[in-house]
C-alpha atoms as a PDB file:
ATOM      1  CA  MET A   1      74.477  53.482  49.596  1.00  0.00           C
ATOM      2  CA  ASP A   2      74.080  56.533  51.813  1.00  0.00           C
ATOM      3  CA  GLY A   3      72.152  56.843  55.045  1.00  0.00           C
ATOM      4  CA  SER A   4      69.014  58.463  53.525  1.00  0.00           C
ATOM      5  CA  THR A   5      68.662  55.681  50.956  1.00  0.00           C
ATOM      6  CA  ARG A   6      69.139  53.033  53.632  1.00  0.00           C
ATOM      7  CA  SER A   7      66.517  54.749  55.837  1.00  0.00           C
ATOM      8  CA  GLY A   8      64.000  54.924  52.953  1.00  0.00           C
ATOM      9  CA  GLY A   9      64.519  51.259  52.187  1.00  0.00           C
ATOM     10  CA  ASN A  10      63.925  50.295  55.796  1.00  0.00           C
ATOM     11  CA  THR A  11      60.704  52.307  55.814  1.00  0.00           C
ATOM     12  CA  VAL A  12      59.417  50.440  52.764  1.00  0.00           C
ATOM     13  CA  LEU A  13      60.289  47.113  54.377  1.00  0.00           C
ATOM     14  CA  TYR A  14      58.462  48.114  57.558  1.00  0.00           C
ATOM     15  CA  VAL A  15      55.366  49.108  55.623  1.00  0.00           C
ATOM     16  CA  VAL A  16      55.315  45.929  53.533  1.00  0.00           C
ATOM     17  CA  GLY A  17      55.954  43.741  56.584  1.00  0.00           C
ATOM     18  CA  GLY A  18      53.260  45.482  58.596  1.00  0.00           C
ATOM     19  CA  ALA A  19      50.768  45.080  55.786  1.00  0.00           C
ATOM     20  CA  GLY A  20      51.599  41.370  55.502  1.00  0.00           C
ATOM     21  CA  LEU A  21      51.251  40.947  59.244  1.00  0.00           C
ATOM     22  CA  LEU A  22      47.854  42.640  59.127  1.00  0.00           C
ATOM     23  CA  VAL A  23      46.765  40.275  56.363  1.00  0.00           C
ATOM     24  CA  VAL A  24      47.893  37.261  58.384  1.00  0.00           C
ATOM     25  CA  LEU A  25      46.143  38.537  61.519  1.00  0.00           C
ATOM     26  CA  ALA A  26      42.962  39.223  59.557  1.00  0.00           C
ATOM     27  CA  GLY A  27      43.049  35.702  58.140  1.00  0.00           C
ATOM     28  CA  CYS A  28      43.508  34.250  61.607  1.00  0.00           C
ATOM     29  CA  CYS A  29      40.552  36.280  62.864  1.00  0.00           C
ATOM     30  CA  VAL A  30      38.372  35.030  60.041  1.00  0.00           C
ATOM     31  CA  VAL A  31      39.359  31.403  60.740  1.00  0.00           C
ATOM     32  CA  ALA A  32      38.811  31.849  64.472  1.00  0.00           C
ATOM     33  CA  ALA A  33      35.398  33.409  63.902  1.00  0.00           C
ATOM     34  CA  ALA A  34      34.385  30.606  61.598  1.00  0.00           C
ATOM     35  CA  LEU A  35      35.495  27.992  64.114  1.00  0.00           C
ATOM     36  CA  GLY A  36      33.660  29.789  66.888  1.00  0.00           C
ATOM     37  CA  PHE A  37      30.433  29.968  64.865  1.00  0.00           C
ATOM     38  CA  PHE A  38      30.653  26.271  63.982  1.00  0.00           C
ATOM     39  CA  VAL A  39      31.190  25.214  67.591  1.00  0.00           C
ATOM     40  CA  THR A  40      28.403  27.496  68.825  1.00  0.00           C
ATOM     41  CA  ALA A  41      25.993  26.243  66.179  1.00  0.00           C
ATOM     42  CA  ARG A  42      26.662  22.640  67.129  1.00  0.00           C
ATOM     43  CA  SER A  43      26.256  23.305  70.827  1.00  0.00           C
ATOM     44  CA  GLU A  44      22.921  25.095  70.253  1.00  0.00           C
ATOM     45  CA  ALA A  45      21.487  22.566  67.810  1.00  0.00           C
ATOM     46  CA  PRO A  46      18.513  20.693  69.339  1.00  0.00           C
ATOM     47  CA  GLU A  47      19.196  17.131  70.291  1.00  0.00           C
ATOM     48  CA  VAL A  48      17.332  14.685  68.098  1.00  0.00           C
ATOM     49  CA  ARG A  49      16.444  11.424  69.776  1.00  0.00           C
ATOM     50  CA  GLU A  50      15.321   8.305  68.079  1.00  0.00           C
ATOM     51  CA  ARG A  51      11.649   7.668  68.843  1.00  0.00           C
ATOM     52  CA  ASP A  52      10.994   4.805  71.152  1.00  0.00           C
ATOM     53  CA  PRO A  53       9.211   1.975  69.360  1.00  0.00           C
ATOM     54  CA  VAL A  54       5.541   1.604  70.244  1.00  0.00           C
ATOM     55  CA  ALA A  55       4.901  -1.635  72.046  1.00  0.00           C
ATOM     56  CA  ARG A  56       2.258  -3.710  70.276  1.00  0.00           C
ATOM     57  CA  VAL A  57       0.253  -6.015  72.500  1.00  0.00           C
ATOM     58  CA  PRO A  58      -1.508  -8.741  70.539  1.00  0.00           C
ATOM     59  CA  THR A  59      -5.225  -9.143  71.251  1.00  0.00           C
ATOM     60  CA  PRO A  60      -6.095 -12.760  71.925  1.00  0.00           C
ATOM     61  CA  ALA A  61      -8.891 -14.130  69.797  1.00  0.00           C
ATOM     62  CA  PRO A  62     -11.904 -15.314  71.798  1.00  0.00           C
ATOM     63  CA  ALA A  63     -12.553 -19.001  71.802  1.00  0.00           C
ATOM     64  CA  ARG A  64     -15.374 -19.941  69.471  1.00  0.00           C
ATOM     65  CA  GLY A  65     -18.645 -20.463  71.252  1.00  0.00           C
ATOM     66  CA  ALA A  66     -17.270 -19.215  74.562  1.00  0.00           C
ATOM     67  CA  GLY A  67     -18.462 -16.223  76.546  1.00  0.00           C
ATOM     68  CA  PRO A  68     -17.861 -14.772  80.012  1.00  0.00           C
ATOM     69  CA  SER A  69     -19.417 -16.210  83.160  1.00  0.00           C
ATOM     70  CA  GLY A  70     -20.092 -19.541  81.521  1.00  0.00           C
ATOM     71  CA  GLY A  71     -22.022 -17.909  78.690  1.00  0.00           C
ATOM     72  CA  SER A  72     -21.709 -18.309  74.964  1.00  0.00           C
ATOM     73  CA  ALA A  73     -21.098 -15.983  72.023  1.00  0.00           C
ATOM     74  CA  LEU A  74     -21.717 -16.140  68.290  1.00  0.00           C
ATOM     75  CA  GLY A  75     -18.403 -14.449  67.451  1.00  0.00           C
ATOM     76  CA  PRO A  76     -18.043 -11.401  65.166  1.00  0.00           C
ATOM     77  CA  ALA A  77     -21.268 -11.942  63.232  1.00  0.00           C
ATOM     78  CA  PHE A  78     -23.197  -9.450  65.351  1.00  0.00           C
ATOM     79  CA  GLY A  79     -20.441  -7.067  66.515  1.00  0.00           C
ATOM     80  CA  ALA A  80     -19.645  -5.555  69.892  1.00  0.00           C
ATOM     81  CA  ALA A  81     -23.171  -4.234  70.343  1.00  0.00           C
ATOM     82  CA  ASN A  82     -24.373  -7.813  70.919  1.00  0.00           C
ATOM     83  CA  PRO A  83     -22.883  -9.214  74.108  1.00  0.00           C
ATOM     84  CA  PRO A  84     -22.823 -12.975  74.589  1.00  0.00           C
ATOM     85  CA  LEU A  85     -25.604 -14.675  76.487  1.00  0.00           C
ATOM     86  CA  VAL A  86     -24.772 -15.288  80.125  1.00  0.00           C
ATOM     87  CA  THR A  87     -25.942 -18.465  81.790  1.00  0.00           C
ATOM     88  CA  LEU A  88     -28.999 -18.138  83.988  1.00  0.00           C
ATOM     89  CA  GLY A  89     -27.352 -20.048  86.823  1.00  0.00           C
ATOM     90  CA  LEU A  90     -30.478 -22.060  87.575  1.00  0.00           C
ATOM     91  CA  VAL A  91     -30.865 -24.094  90.753  1.00  0.00           C
ATOM     92  CA  PRO A  92     -33.408 -26.854  91.390  1.00  0.00           C
ATOM     93  CA  THR A  93     -36.731 -25.514  92.642  1.00  0.00           C
ATOM     94  CA  PRO A  94     -39.561 -27.758  93.901  1.00  0.00           C
ATOM     95  CA  THR A  95     -42.542 -27.704  91.543  1.00  0.00           C
ATOM     96  CA  SER A  96     -45.673 -29.760  91.107  1.00  0.00           C
ATOM     97  CA  ASP A  97     -47.148 -28.239  87.955  1.00  0.00           C
ATOM     98  CA  ARG A  98     -45.676 -30.078  84.984  1.00  0.00           C
ATOM     99  CA  ARG A  99     -48.083 -28.747  82.376  1.00  0.00           C
ATOM    100  CA  TRP A 100     -46.655 -27.302  79.187  1.00  0.00           C
ATOM    101  CA  ARG A 101     -46.029 -23.567  79.135  1.00  0.00           C
ATOM    102  CA  HIS A 102     -47.550 -21.693  76.190  1.00  0.00           C
ATOM    103  CA  ILE A 103     -45.573 -18.569  75.300  1.00  0.00           C
ATOM    104  CA  GLU A 104     -46.815 -15.469  73.502  1.00  0.00           C
ATOM    105  CA  ALA A 105     -44.138 -12.847  72.816  1.00  0.00           C
ATOM    106  CA  THR A 106     -43.186  -9.803  70.747  1.00  0.00           C
ATOM    107  CA  VAL A 107     -39.826  -9.385  68.998  1.00  0.00           C
ATOM    108  CA  THR A 108     -37.856  -6.435  70.377  1.00  0.00           C
ATOM    109  CA  ARG A 109     -34.610  -7.018  68.500  1.00  0.00           C
ATOM    110  CA  ALA A 110     -33.872  -8.878  65.271  1.00  0.00           C
ATOM    111  CA  ARG A 111     -30.735  -9.291  63.201  1.00  0.00           C
ATOM    112  CA  GLY A 112     -30.012 -11.511  60.250  1.00  0.00           C
ATOM    113  CA  PRO A 113     -31.791 -12.168  56.927  1.00  0.00           C
ATOM    114  CA  ILE A 114     -34.282 -14.754  58.170  1.00  0.00           C
ATOM    115  CA  GLY A 115     -37.591 -12.900  57.753  1.00  0.00           C
ATOM    116  CA  VAL A 116     -38.101 -11.853  61.388  1.00  0.00           C
ATOM    117  CA  SER A 117     -38.364  -8.162  62.316  1.00  0.00           C
ATOM    118  CA  GLU A 118     -38.947  -6.063  65.403  1.00  0.00           C
ATOM    119  CA  GLY A 119     -42.621  -6.025  66.326  1.00  0.00           C
ATOM    120  CA  ASP A 120     -43.310  -9.529  64.969  1.00  0.00           C
ATOM    121  CA  THR A 121     -45.217 -11.915  67.211  1.00  0.00           C
ATOM    122  CA  CYS A 122     -43.987 -15.263  68.548  1.00  0.00           C
ATOM    123  CA  SER A 123     -46.099 -18.198  69.684  1.00  0.00           C
ATOM    124  CA  PHE A 124     -44.924 -21.616  70.875  1.00  0.00           C
ATOM    125  CA  ASP A 125     -45.202 -24.232  73.615  1.00  0.00           C
ATOM    126  CA  VAL A 126     -42.486 -25.304  76.010  1.00  0.00           C
ATOM    127  CA  GLN A 127     -42.984 -29.032  76.528  1.00  0.00           C
ATOM    128  CA  VAL A 128     -42.051 -30.553  79.875  1.00  0.00           C
ATOM    129  CA  LEU A 129     -40.621 -34.039  79.414  1.00  0.00           C
ATOM    130  CA  ASP A 130     -40.983 -36.803  81.988  1.00  0.00           C
ATOM    131  CA  ARG A 131     -37.350 -37.486  82.732  1.00  0.00           C
ATOM    132  CA  SER A 132     -35.508 -35.318  85.251  1.00  0.00           C
ATOM    133  CA  SER A 133     -32.203 -33.580  84.676  1.00  0.00           C
ATOM    134  CA  GLU A 134     -30.263 -30.756  86.292  1.00  0.00           C
ATOM    135  CA  PRO A 135     -31.384 -28.137  87.100  1.00  0.00           C
ATOM    136  CA  GLY A 136     -34.662 -30.025  87.383  1.00  0.00           C
ATOM    137  CA  HIS A 137     -36.174 -31.114  84.083  1.00  0.00           C
ATOM    138  CA  ILE A 138     -35.662 -31.489  80.352  1.00  0.00           C
ATOM    139  CA  CYS A 139     -37.828 -29.247  78.186  1.00  0.00           C
ATOM    140  CA  ARG A 140     -38.386 -29.097  74.459  1.00  0.00           C
ATOM    141  CA  THR A 141     -39.767 -26.370  72.249  1.00  0.00           C
ATOM    142  CA  PHE A 142     -40.324 -25.443  68.624  1.00  0.00           C
ATOM    143  CA  ALA A 143     -39.861 -21.705  69.091  1.00  0.00           C
ATOM    144  CA  GLN A 144     -41.044 -19.628  66.162  1.00  0.00           C
ATOM    145  CA  CYS A 145     -41.697 -15.981  65.383  1.00  0.00           C
ATOM    146  CA  SER A 146     -43.632 -14.649  62.392  1.00  0.00           C
ATOM    147  CA  GLY A 147     -43.943 -18.220  61.132  1.00  0.00           C
ATOM    148  CA  VAL A 148     -40.150 -18.777  61.117  1.00  0.00           C
ATOM    149  CA  ARG A 149     -38.914 -21.735  63.153  1.00  0.00           C
ATOM    150  CA  LEU A 150     -35.984 -20.520  65.264  1.00  0.00           C
ATOM    151  CA  PHE A 151     -35.282 -23.480  67.523  1.00  0.00           C
ATOM    152  CA  GLY A 152     -36.237 -27.140  67.474  1.00  0.00           C
ATOM    153  CA  GLU A 153     -37.189 -29.578  64.711  1.00  0.00           C
ATOM    154  CA  ASP A 154     -38.049 -33.246  64.164  1.00  0.00           C
ATOM    155  CA  PHE A 155     -36.299 -33.713  60.810  1.00  0.00           C
ATOM    156  CA  PRO A 156     -33.570 -34.353  59.792  1.00  0.00           C
ATOM    157  CA  ARG A 157     -32.578 -34.392  63.478  1.00  0.00           C
ATOM    158  CA  ARG A 158     -34.669 -34.268  66.627  1.00  0.00           C
ATOM    159  CA  THR A 159     -33.586 -31.038  68.300  1.00  0.00           C
ATOM    160  CA  GLY A 160     -35.026 -28.356  70.544  1.00  0.00           C
ATOM    161  CA  PHE A 161     -34.144 -29.971  73.880  1.00  0.00           C
ATOM    162  CA  PHE A 162     -32.702 -27.978  76.766  1.00  0.00           C
ATOM    163  CA  PRO A 163     -32.359 -28.289  80.560  1.00  0.00           C
ATOM    164  CA  CYS A 164     -35.005 -26.236  82.312  1.00  0.00           C
ATOM    165  CA  GLN A 165     -36.526 -25.290  85.617  1.00  0.00           C
ATOM    166  CA  LEU A 166     -40.282 -24.980  86.226  1.00  0.00           C
ATOM    167  CA  TYR A 167     -42.032 -22.453  88.418  1.00  0.00           C
ATOM    168  CA  ASP A 168     -45.523 -22.688  89.937  1.00  0.00           C
ATOM    169  CA  SER A 169     -45.995 -19.145  91.233  1.00  0.00           C
ATOM    170  CA  PRO A 170     -45.901 -17.285  89.043  1.00  0.00           C
ATOM    171  CA  PHE A 171     -46.436 -19.989  86.455  1.00  0.00           C
ATOM    172  CA  GLY A 172     -43.359 -20.140  84.253  1.00  0.00           C
ATOM    173  CA  VAL A 173     -40.167 -21.745  83.039  1.00  0.00           C
ATOM    174  CA  ALA A 174     -36.489 -20.939  82.608  1.00  0.00           C
ATOM    175  CA  GLY A 175     -33.851 -22.813  80.651  1.00  0.00           C
ATOM    176  CA  GLU A 176     -31.141 -22.538  78.027  1.00  0.00           C
ATOM    177  CA  ASP A 177     -28.918 -24.111  75.409  1.00  0.00           C
ATOM    178  CA  LEU A 178     -26.018 -21.714  74.921  1.00  0.00           C
ATOM    179  CA  GLU A 179     -24.162 -23.349  72.020  1.00  0.00           C
ATOM    180  CA  PRO A 180     -24.853 -22.422  68.367  1.00  0.00           C
ATOM    181  CA  THR A 181     -24.916 -25.067  65.659  1.00  0.00           C
ATOM    182  CA  GLN A 182     -21.179 -24.760  64.751  1.00  0.00           C
ATOM    183  CA  SER A 183     -21.422 -27.685  62.299  1.00  0.00           C
ATOM    184  CA  ALA A 184     -23.762 -28.568  59.466  1.00  0.00           C
ATOM    185  CA  ASP A 185     -23.884 -32.166  60.750  1.00  0.00           C
ATOM    186  CA  ALA A 186     -24.730 -31.614  64.402  1.00  0.00           C
ATOM    187  CA  GLY A 187     -26.080 -29.202  66.979  1.00  0.00           C
ATOM    188  CA  ASP A 188     -28.897 -26.695  67.041  1.00  0.00           C
ATOM    189  CA  PRO A 189     -29.268 -22.943  67.622  1.00  0.00           C
ATOM    190  CA  MET A 190     -28.772 -21.106  70.877  1.00  0.00           C
ATOM    191  CA  PHE A 191     -31.905 -20.669  72.961  1.00  0.00           C
ATOM    192  CA  GLN A 192     -32.603 -19.064  76.310  1.00  0.00           C
ATOM    193  CA  ILE A 193     -35.938 -18.409  78.004  1.00  0.00           C
ATOM    194  CA  ASP A 194     -36.721 -16.934  81.398  1.00  0.00           C
ATOM    195  CA  THR A 195     -40.303 -16.056  82.266  1.00  0.00           C
ATOM    196  CA  ARG A 196     -39.075 -14.463  85.494  1.00  0.00           C
ATOM    197  CA  SER A 197     -37.582 -11.642  83.406  1.00  0.00           C
ATOM    198  CA  MET A 198     -40.170 -12.203  80.620  1.00  0.00           C
ATOM    199  CA  THR A 199     -37.594 -12.549  77.838  1.00  0.00           C
ATOM    200  CA  PHE A 200     -36.365 -15.165  75.420  1.00  0.00           C
ATOM    201  CA  THR A 201     -33.497 -15.185  72.920  1.00  0.00           C
ATOM    202  CA  ALA A 202     -32.763 -17.397  69.929  1.00  0.00           C
ATOM    203  CA  ALA A 203     -29.601 -17.142  67.825  1.00  0.00           C
ATOM    204  CA  ASP A 204     -27.403 -19.171  65.544  1.00  0.00           C
ATOM    205  CA  ASP A 205     -24.369 -19.044  63.275  1.00  0.00           C
ATOM    206  CA  GLU A 206     -24.237 -19.603  59.514  1.00  0.00           C
ATOM    207  CA  HIS A 207     -24.095 -23.400  59.931  1.00  0.00           C
ATOM    208  CA  GLY A 208     -27.650 -23.686  61.220  1.00  0.00           C
ATOM    209  CA  ARG A 209     -30.804 -24.829  59.435  1.00  0.00           C
ATOM    210  CA  LEU A 210     -31.676 -21.273  58.350  1.00  0.00           C
ATOM    211  CA  GLY A 211     -28.324 -20.898  56.561  1.00  0.00           C
ATOM    212  CA  ALA A 212     -27.540 -17.475  58.026  1.00  0.00           C
ATOM    213  CA  ALA A 213     -26.396 -16.026  61.313  1.00  0.00           C
ATOM    214  CA  PHE A 214     -29.278 -14.482  63.227  1.00  0.00           C
ATOM    215  CA  LEU A 215     -30.277 -13.058  66.586  1.00  0.00           C
ATOM    216  CA  VAL A 216     -33.834 -12.646  67.855  1.00  0.00           C
ATOM    217  CA  VAL A 217     -34.712 -11.205  71.258  1.00  0.00           C
ATOM    218  CA  ALA A 218     -38.336 -11.078  72.361  1.00  0.00           C
ATOM    219  CA  ARG A 219     -40.428  -9.805  75.245  1.00  0.00           C
ATOM    220  CA  ILE A 220     -42.720 -12.475  76.684  1.00  0.00           C
ATOM    221  CA  ASP A 221     -46.235 -11.102  76.891  1.00  0.00           C
ATOM    222  CA  SER A 222     -47.993 -14.074  78.480  1.00  0.00           C
ATOM    223  CA  VAL A 223     -47.393 -17.550  79.890  1.00  0.00           C
ATOM    224  CA  THR A 224     -50.385 -19.887  80.093  1.00  0.00           C
ATOM    225  CA  PRO A 225     -50.737 -23.619  80.876  1.00  0.00           C
ATOM    226  CA  ARG A 226     -51.393 -26.196  78.160  1.00  0.00           C
END
């Protein structure tokens, strides 16, 4: 083989080798670019954190018949718009007038299917019994509004008693029984009266003599001796 043939052959080899090298380099560039894009994409991806669990704090159920400040509640029958009665916190007060107190009142709030509505009138006596008891006396009443007996009865059980305090000037009475019936075999409705604030409240749960939960609040219009 002469020199020109050898030189031409070398040229072909150089061209083929260079082309192959370019192909290899191009492939390496493609791989490198792909790796670079993958790494960059991972580094820029937003970090996703697992959400912290929400702490659930159980709400304790209120004790039946119990209210704040020594008061009493009827439970969920009347909802949050009806706060429990709070005890009057009566203290013994000297009094000489032990006559019964006759109450005339007007219903300002009524709930429950017992036949009493706002605007109905109430009329009843508060009897003052002879025996003494804290905060001063024992009273009894047959409170009724619109002809419906709300508190107190003689049959089948004698009920309607509550500790009370008498007032001479102005003539009046205050007392309370803050426990609802709670059982078909015992107890009586809740009752609270205070002629100092000229209000009285009667309420009960579904176990009472009326067979339905109810709440009656009334404005006392007059207190007269009997």
